Amino acid sequence: MLVNGINEASFRIAIRFTARSSCILFLLAFIASSLRRLKPTLLSNWLINNRRYLGLSMAVSHGFHAIAISGVAILTTEKMVRDNHGANLGYLFIILMTTTSFKRPAAILGRRGWRILHTVGMYYLWLSFTVAFSERLNQSWIIYFPFISALVLVLILRFVPRKKRYL
């Protein structure tokens, strides 16, 4: 927007960039516990210790994504915001998960409620990213196939069973 000005093309570039940056941040938060469970390393420990901040960074990135979408909706006749109920539900999850990432709202929700919200929200966001990027494969395999591959890989890793420990 600094180079091209505030116009539809600039907002569309911002939409693509923030979708990708949000996905990367999401993937790091989503895979943290699985990596540590499979093999505790400096990286997996760092991801666990910073998972909250990765999630909050993803929420900020996706907030900019929403602003860019709104910019296109204002500048064009596209009904990107109003008619996309699946995406709107994703934003609701992001808002609720962000809010409950702080101590007081998390305490009000309770441990069980927090776990349910964040588990359902994470899997819903995983599905949203996977569907959105799959729909764009025809635009660019080089850009979107690695994202889809990473999304599938992290989902598989989440279901790899815990190693049994023998004494």
C-alpha atoms as a PDB file:
ATOM      1  CA  MET A   1       0.000   0.000   0.000  1.00  0.00           C
ATOM      2  CA  LEU A   2       2.985   2.275   0.562  1.00  0.00           C
ATOM      3  CA  VAL A   3       4.215   1.567  -2.979  1.00  0.00           C
ATOM      4  CA  ASN A   4       0.953   1.153  -4.911  1.00  0.00           C
ATOM      5  CA  GLY A   5      -1.356   3.277  -2.783  1.00  0.00           C
ATOM      6  CA  ILE A   6      -4.649   2.234  -1.244  1.00  0.00           C
ATOM      7  CA  ASN A   7      -6.415   0.402  -4.041  1.00  0.00           C
ATOM      8  CA  GLU A   8      -7.974  -2.966  -4.824  1.00  0.00           C
ATOM      9  CA  ALA A   9      -4.712  -4.519  -6.054  1.00  0.00           C
ATOM     10  CA  SER A  10      -2.885  -3.517  -2.859  1.00  0.00           C
ATOM     11  CA  PHE A  11      -5.635  -4.974  -0.679  1.00  0.00           C
ATOM     12  CA  ARG A  12      -5.561  -8.239  -2.677  1.00  0.00           C
ATOM     13  CA  ILE A  13      -1.791  -8.513  -2.196  1.00  0.00           C
ATOM     14  CA  ALA A  14      -2.306  -7.934   1.528  1.00  0.00           C
ATOM     15  CA  ILE A  15      -5.014 -10.626   1.601  1.00  0.00           C
ATOM     16  CA  ARG A  16      -2.677 -13.207   0.062  1.00  0.00           C
ATOM     17  CA  PHE A  17       0.275 -12.246   2.257  1.00  0.00           C
ATOM     18  CA  THR A  18      -1.672 -12.266   5.523  1.00  0.00           C
ATOM     19  CA  ALA A  19      -3.368 -15.576   4.666  1.00  0.00           C
ATOM     20  CA  ARG A  20       0.042 -17.183   4.197  1.00  0.00           C
ATOM     21  CA  SER A  21       1.670 -15.562   7.231  1.00  0.00           C
ATOM     22  CA  SER A  22      -1.318 -16.517   9.386  1.00  0.00           C
ATOM     23  CA  CYS A  23      -1.072 -20.102   8.158  1.00  0.00           C
ATOM     24  CA  ILE A  24       2.623 -20.336   9.044  1.00  0.00           C
ATOM     25  CA  LEU A  25       2.005 -18.983  12.547  1.00  0.00           C
ATOM     26  CA  PHE A  26      -0.978 -21.322  12.930  1.00  0.00           C
ATOM     27  CA  LEU A  27       1.091 -24.342  11.838  1.00  0.00           C
ATOM     28  CA  LEU A  28       3.781 -23.556  14.413  1.00  0.00           C
ATOM     29  CA  ALA A  29       1.227 -23.307  17.239  1.00  0.00           C
ATOM     30  CA  PHE A  30      -0.724 -26.346  16.004  1.00  0.00           C
ATOM     31  CA  ILE A  31       2.306 -28.662  15.818  1.00  0.00           C
ATOM     32  CA  ALA A  32       4.065 -27.590  19.037  1.00  0.00           C
ATOM     33  CA  SER A  33       2.702 -30.231  21.404  1.00  0.00           C
ATOM     34  CA  SER A  34       2.990 -33.014  18.814  1.00  0.00           C
ATOM     35  CA  LEU A  35       6.645 -32.273  18.151  1.00  0.00           C
ATOM     36  CA  ARG A  36       7.503 -32.211  21.839  1.00  0.00           C
ATOM     37  CA  ARG A  37       5.583 -35.420  22.453  1.00  0.00           C
ATOM     38  CA  LEU A  38       7.419 -37.160  19.602  1.00  0.00           C
ATOM     39  CA  LYS A  39      10.875 -35.895  20.538  1.00  0.00           C
ATOM     40  CA  PRO A  40      11.662 -33.160  23.035  1.00  0.00           C
ATOM     41  CA  THR A  41      14.212 -30.820  21.460  1.00  0.00           C
ATOM     42  CA  LEU A  42      15.213 -27.197  21.853  1.00  0.00           C
ATOM     43  CA  LEU A  43      12.866 -26.316  18.963  1.00  0.00           C
ATOM     44  CA  SER A  44       9.869 -28.253  20.283  1.00  0.00           C
ATOM     45  CA  ASN A  45      10.388 -26.814  23.777  1.00  0.00           C
ATOM     46  CA  TRP A  46      10.638 -23.306  22.323  1.00  0.00           C
ATOM     47  CA  LEU A  47       7.426 -23.834  20.336  1.00  0.00           C
ATOM     48  CA  ILE A  48       5.586 -25.034  23.467  1.00  0.00           C
ATOM     49  CA  ASN A  49       6.893 -22.137  25.546  1.00  0.00           C
ATOM     50  CA  ASN A  50       5.872 -19.624  22.864  1.00  0.00           C
ATOM     51  CA  ARG A  51       2.690 -21.283  21.570  1.00  0.00           C
ATOM     52  CA  ARG A  52       0.483 -18.609  23.151  1.00  0.00           C
ATOM     53  CA  TYR A  53       2.466 -15.837  21.455  1.00  0.00           C
ATOM     54  CA  LEU A  54       2.429 -17.667  18.133  1.00  0.00           C
ATOM     55  CA  GLY A  55      -1.362 -17.959  18.423  1.00  0.00           C
ATOM     56  CA  LEU A  56      -1.722 -14.289  19.333  1.00  0.00           C
ATOM     57  CA  SER A  57       0.560 -13.341  16.428  1.00  0.00           C
ATOM     58  CA  MET A  58      -1.620 -15.431  14.130  1.00  0.00           C
ATOM     59  CA  ALA A  59      -4.687 -13.566  15.440  1.00  0.00           C
ATOM     60  CA  VAL A  60      -3.049 -10.199  14.727  1.00  0.00           C
ATOM     61  CA  SER A  61      -2.022 -11.336  11.243  1.00  0.00           C
ATOM     62  CA  HIS A  62      -5.539 -12.548  10.563  1.00  0.00           C
ATOM     63  CA  GLY A  63      -6.911  -9.269  11.902  1.00  0.00           C
ATOM     64  CA  PHE A  64      -4.947  -7.522   9.141  1.00  0.00           C
ATOM     65  CA  HIS A  65      -6.319 -10.157   6.767  1.00  0.00           C
ATOM     66  CA  ALA A  66      -9.860  -9.128   7.768  1.00  0.00           C
ATOM     67  CA  ILE A  67      -9.017  -5.449   7.244  1.00  0.00           C
ATOM     68  CA  ALA A  68      -7.682  -6.212   3.754  1.00  0.00           C
ATOM     69  CA  ILE A  69     -10.812  -8.222   2.911  1.00  0.00           C
ATOM     70  CA  SER A  70     -12.937  -5.326   4.131  1.00  0.00           C
ATOM     71  CA  GLY A  71     -10.914  -2.973   1.932  1.00  0.00           C
ATOM     72  CA  VAL A  72     -11.708  -5.044  -1.155  1.00  0.00           C
ATOM     73  CA  ALA A  73     -15.360  -5.264  -0.132  1.00  0.00           C
ATOM     74  CA  ILE A  74     -15.520  -1.467   0.193  1.00  0.00           C
ATOM     75  CA  LEU A  75     -13.754  -0.789  -3.110  1.00  0.00           C
ATOM     76  CA  THR A  76     -15.683  -3.382  -5.131  1.00  0.00           C
ATOM     77  CA  THR A  77     -19.131  -4.905  -5.250  1.00  0.00           C
ATOM     78  CA  GLU A  78     -17.858  -8.265  -3.970  1.00  0.00           C
ATOM     79  CA  LYS A  79     -19.710  -9.687  -0.977  1.00  0.00           C
ATOM     80  CA  MET A  80     -16.596 -11.227   0.562  1.00  0.00           C
ATOM     81  CA  VAL A  81     -17.507 -10.572   4.181  1.00  0.00           C
ATOM     82  CA  ARG A  82     -21.251 -10.901   4.431  1.00  0.00           C
ATOM     83  CA  ASP A  83     -21.740 -14.116   2.465  1.00  0.00           C
ATOM     84  CA  ASN A  84     -18.842 -16.217   3.752  1.00  0.00           C
ATOM     85  CA  HIS A  85     -20.326 -17.837   6.851  1.00  0.00           C
ATOM     86  CA  GLY A  86     -17.520 -20.422   7.159  1.00  0.00           C
ATOM     87  CA  ALA A  87     -14.863 -17.718   7.263  1.00  0.00           C
ATOM     88  CA  ASN A  88     -16.933 -15.654   9.672  1.00  0.00           C
ATOM     89  CA  LEU A  89     -17.131 -18.663  12.027  1.00  0.00           C
ATOM     90  CA  GLY A  90     -13.338 -18.927  11.771  1.00  0.00           C
ATOM     91  CA  TYR A  91     -13.018 -15.292  12.837  1.00  0.00           C
ATOM     92  CA  LEU A  92     -15.369 -15.946  15.750  1.00  0.00           C
ATOM     93  CA  PHE A  93     -13.108 -18.795  16.873  1.00  0.00           C
ATOM     94  CA  ILE A  94     -10.049 -16.552  16.519  1.00  0.00           C
ATOM     95  CA  ILE A  95     -11.680 -13.825  18.628  1.00  0.00           C
ATOM     96  CA  LEU A  96     -12.803 -16.277  21.327  1.00  0.00           C
ATOM     97  CA  MET A  97      -9.475 -18.103  21.423  1.00  0.00           C
ATOM     98  CA  THR A  98      -7.566 -14.816  21.563  1.00  0.00           C
ATOM     99  CA  THR A  99      -9.747 -13.493  24.359  1.00  0.00           C
ATOM    100  CA  THR A 100      -9.351 -16.675  26.392  1.00  0.00           C
ATOM    101  CA  SER A 101      -5.568 -16.638  25.935  1.00  0.00           C
ATOM    102  CA  PHE A 102      -5.420 -14.207  28.835  1.00  0.00           C
ATOM    103  CA  LYS A 103      -5.658 -15.336  32.464  1.00  0.00           C
ATOM    104  CA  ARG A 104      -8.900 -13.706  33.592  1.00  0.00           C
ATOM    105  CA  PRO A 105     -11.127 -14.741  30.639  1.00  0.00           C
ATOM    106  CA  ALA A 106      -9.547 -18.228  30.721  1.00  0.00           C
ATOM    107  CA  ALA A 107     -10.367 -18.533  34.427  1.00  0.00           C
ATOM    108  CA  ILE A 108     -13.969 -17.486  33.776  1.00  0.00           C
ATOM    109  CA  LEU A 109     -14.303 -20.070  31.003  1.00  0.00           C
ATOM    110  CA  GLY A 110     -12.708 -22.792  33.122  1.00  0.00           C
ATOM    111  CA  ARG A 111     -10.131 -25.407  32.232  1.00  0.00           C
ATOM    112  CA  ARG A 112     -12.561 -27.803  30.528  1.00  0.00           C
ATOM    113  CA  GLY A 113     -14.301 -25.043  28.533  1.00  0.00           C
ATOM    114  CA  TRP A 114     -10.959 -23.574  27.513  1.00  0.00           C
ATOM    115  CA  ARG A 115      -9.710 -26.967  26.302  1.00  0.00           C
ATOM    116  CA  ILE A 116     -12.894 -27.619  24.294  1.00  0.00           C
ATOM    117  CA  LEU A 117     -12.875 -24.137  22.719  1.00  0.00           C
ATOM    118  CA  HIS A 118      -9.217 -24.264  21.750  1.00  0.00           C
ATOM    119  CA  THR A 119      -9.351 -27.844  20.472  1.00  0.00           C
ATOM    120  CA  VAL A 120     -12.444 -27.293  18.338  1.00  0.00           C
ATOM    121  CA  GLY A 121     -11.155 -23.882  17.212  1.00  0.00           C
ATOM    122  CA  MET A 122      -7.745 -25.201  16.173  1.00  0.00           C
ATOM    123  CA  TYR A 123      -9.234 -28.036  14.145  1.00  0.00           C
ATOM    124  CA  TYR A 124     -11.765 -25.670  12.547  1.00  0.00           C
ATOM    125  CA  LEU A 125      -8.980 -23.267  11.582  1.00  0.00           C
ATOM    126  CA  TRP A 126      -6.947 -26.200  10.234  1.00  0.00           C
ATOM    127  CA  LEU A 127      -9.922 -27.156   8.056  1.00  0.00           C
ATOM    128  CA  SER A 128     -10.442 -23.538   6.955  1.00  0.00           C
ATOM    129  CA  PHE A 129      -6.823 -23.102   5.866  1.00  0.00           C
ATOM    130  CA  THR A 130      -6.842 -26.463   4.093  1.00  0.00           C
ATOM    131  CA  VAL A 131     -10.041 -25.736   2.167  1.00  0.00           C
ATOM    132  CA  ALA A 132      -9.048 -22.147   1.308  1.00  0.00           C
ATOM    133  CA  PHE A 133      -5.604 -23.140   0.014  1.00  0.00           C
ATOM    134  CA  SER A 134      -6.989 -26.183  -1.831  1.00  0.00           C
ATOM    135  CA  GLU A 135      -9.389 -23.894  -3.695  1.00  0.00           C
ATOM    136  CA  ARG A 136      -6.395 -21.857  -4.884  1.00  0.00           C
ATOM    137  CA  LEU A 137      -4.304 -24.745  -6.203  1.00  0.00           C
ATOM    138  CA  ASN A 138      -5.401 -23.940  -9.757  1.00  0.00           C
ATOM    139  CA  GLN A 139      -3.901 -20.443  -9.339  1.00  0.00           C
ATOM    140  CA  SER A 140      -0.442 -21.610  -8.243  1.00  0.00           C
ATOM    141  CA  TRP A 141       0.695 -25.104  -7.349  1.00  0.00           C
ATOM    142  CA  ILE A 142       4.124 -23.768  -6.419  1.00  0.00           C
ATOM    143  CA  ILE A 143       2.708 -21.520  -3.704  1.00  0.00           C
ATOM    144  CA  TYR A 144      -0.260 -23.479  -2.361  1.00  0.00           C
ATOM    145  CA  PHE A 145       0.838 -27.126  -2.584  1.00  0.00           C
ATOM    146  CA  PRO A 146       3.570 -26.699   0.096  1.00  0.00           C
ATOM    147  CA  PHE A 147       1.012 -25.129   2.448  1.00  0.00           C
ATOM    148  CA  ILE A 148      -1.477 -27.947   1.875  1.00  0.00           C
ATOM    149  CA  SER A 149       1.281 -30.536   2.329  1.00  0.00           C
ATOM    150  CA  ALA A 150       2.353 -28.910   5.612  1.00  0.00           C
ATOM    151  CA  LEU A 151      -1.262 -28.769   6.813  1.00  0.00           C
ATOM    152  CA  VAL A 152      -1.767 -32.476   6.082  1.00  0.00           C
ATOM    153  CA  LEU A 153       1.566 -33.395   7.670  1.00  0.00           C
ATOM    154  CA  VAL A 154       0.848 -31.551  10.921  1.00  0.00           C
ATOM    155  CA  LEU A 155      -2.564 -33.192  11.159  1.00  0.00           C
ATOM    156  CA  ILE A 156      -0.990 -36.629  10.735  1.00  0.00           C
ATOM    157  CA  LEU A 157       1.634 -35.804  13.373  1.00  0.00           C
ATOM    158  CA  ARG A 158      -1.096 -34.823  15.837  1.00  0.00           C
ATOM    159  CA  PHE A 159      -2.438 -38.367  15.679  1.00  0.00           C
ATOM    160  CA  VAL A 160       0.874 -40.200  16.022  1.00  0.00           C
ATOM    161  CA  PRO A 161       0.639 -42.066  19.323  1.00  0.00           C
ATOM    162  CA  ARG A 162       2.802 -41.198  22.270  1.00  0.00           C
ATOM    163  CA  LYS A 163       5.937 -43.296  22.659  1.00  0.00           C
ATOM    164  CA  LYS A 164       5.645 -45.926  25.364  1.00  0.00           C
ATOM    165  CA  ARG A 165       8.214 -45.578  28.070  1.00  0.00           C
ATOM    166  CA  TYR A 166       9.624 -48.688  29.634  1.00  0.00           C
ATOM    167  CA  LEU A 167      11.278 -48.581  33.028  1.00  0.00           C
END
